[in-house]
């Protein structure tokens, strides 16, 4: 595993490459992979340690390991503005 050595391969557009520091990346998206459809697998391919956190109801396939959280909407949250509902979901995921 390249991440064990803390280095990973970065490929340039011309095909040349260089080695850099490997990092741990957590993708948080209620409908993962969402906008990370191509980015997450590419970062994993380059040697980064990638993990995703998504909603329990999300059944989409993923090229990286996924953890799921279950968000239950409380009655009081339904009457709140959109930002408050988002904060409620974030608290559940955390």
Protein backbone atom coordinates (compact mmCIF):
# COMPACT_ATOMS: atom_id res chain seq x y z
CA UNK A 1 0.00 0.00 0.00
CA UNK A 2 1.51 3.30 -1.10
CA UNK A 3 -0.18 5.22 1.71
CA UNK A 4 1.73 3.16 4.27
CA UNK A 5 4.92 4.77 2.98
CA UNK A 6 3.20 8.20 3.06
CA UNK A 7 3.96 8.87 -0.60
CA UNK A 8 1.80 8.75 -3.68
CA UNK A 9 2.14 9.27 -7.41
CA UNK A 10 1.02 12.48 -9.08
CA UNK A 11 0.77 12.21 -12.85
CA UNK A 12 1.04 15.28 -15.01
CA UNK A 13 -0.92 15.73 -18.25
CA UNK A 14 2.19 14.82 -20.28
CA UNK A 15 2.48 11.44 -18.53
CA UNK A 16 5.46 12.37 -16.37
CA UNK A 17 5.06 11.86 -12.65
CA UNK A 18 6.41 12.83 -9.28
CA UNK A 19 6.03 11.51 -5.77
CA UNK A 20 4.38 13.52 -3.01
CA UNK A 21 2.87 13.13 0.42
CA UNK A 22 -0.07 10.77 0.76
CA UNK A 23 -3.03 12.04 2.77
CA UNK A 24 -6.18 10.61 4.34
CA UNK A 25 -9.31 11.99 2.66
CA UNK A 26 -12.87 11.78 3.99
CA UNK A 27 -15.61 12.55 1.46
CA UNK A 28 -18.89 13.58 3.10
CA UNK A 29 -21.90 13.67 0.77
CA UNK A 30 -25.46 12.50 1.45
CA UNK A 31 -25.62 11.04 -2.07
CA UNK A 32 -21.99 9.92 -2.50
CA UNK A 33 -20.26 9.82 -4.96
CA UNK A 34 -22.23 12.84 -6.24
CA UNK A 35 -19.78 15.37 -7.63
CA UNK A 36 -16.86 13.18 -6.48
CA UNK A 37 -17.70 10.46 -9.04
CA UNK A 38 -14.33 10.74 -10.81
CA UNK A 39 -12.24 12.53 -8.20
CA UNK A 40 -12.52 9.97 -5.37
CA UNK A 41 -11.40 6.91 -7.40
CA UNK A 42 -8.58 8.89 -8.98
CA UNK A 43 -7.22 10.01 -5.62
CA UNK A 44 -7.40 6.41 -4.41
CA UNK A 45 -5.59 5.24 -7.53
CA UNK A 46 -2.82 7.73 -6.79
CA UNK A 47 -2.30 6.16 -3.38
CA UNK A 48 -4.31 8.34 -1.03
CA UNK A 49 -6.27 6.73 1.80
CA UNK A 50 -9.90 7.57 0.84
CA UNK A 51 -13.13 6.95 2.74
CA UNK A 52 -16.69 8.22 2.18
CA UNK A 53 -19.51 9.03 4.59
CA UNK A 54 -23.01 8.98 3.09
CA UNK A 55 -26.68 8.66 4.00
CA UNK A 56 -27.95 5.19 4.93
CA UNK A 57 -30.51 5.27 2.11
CA UNK A 58 -27.86 5.84 -0.55
CA UNK A 59 -27.49 2.67 -2.63
CA UNK A 60 -25.08 3.99 -5.26
CA UNK A 61 -21.94 1.95 -5.95
CA UNK A 62 -18.58 3.33 -4.93
CA UNK A 63 -14.98 2.63 -5.88
CA UNK A 64 -13.84 3.54 -2.35
CA UNK A 65 -14.92 2.25 1.08
CA UNK A 66 -18.15 3.81 2.39
CA UNK A 67 -19.54 4.32 5.89
CA UNK A 68 -23.22 5.20 6.29
CA UNK A 69 -25.18 7.26 8.81
CA UNK A 70 -28.93 7.18 9.41
CA UNK A 71 -30.57 10.59 9.63
CA UNK A 72 -34.05 10.72 11.14
CA UNK A 73 -35.90 13.96 10.48
CA UNK A 74 -37.53 15.19 13.68
CA UNK A 75 -40.93 16.83 13.53
CA UNK A 76 -39.49 20.19 14.70
CA UNK A 77 -36.85 20.10 11.92
CA UNK A 78 -39.49 19.90 9.17
CA UNK A 79 -40.71 23.44 9.90
CA UNK A 80 -37.22 24.96 9.96
CA UNK A 81 -35.60 26.81 7.05
CA UNK A 82 -33.32 24.80 4.73
CA UNK A 83 -30.11 25.78 6.53
CA UNK A 84 -31.43 24.48 9.85
CA UNK A 85 -32.31 21.11 8.30
CA UNK A 86 -28.78 20.97 6.87
CA UNK A 87 -27.31 21.61 10.31
CA UNK A 88 -29.48 18.82 11.73
CA UNK A 89 -28.14 16.38 9.09
CA UNK A 90 -24.57 17.46 9.84
CA UNK A 91 -25.05 16.77 13.55
CA UNK A 92 -26.31 13.28 12.70
CA UNK A 93 -23.32 12.58 10.47
CA UNK A 94 -20.84 13.87 13.05
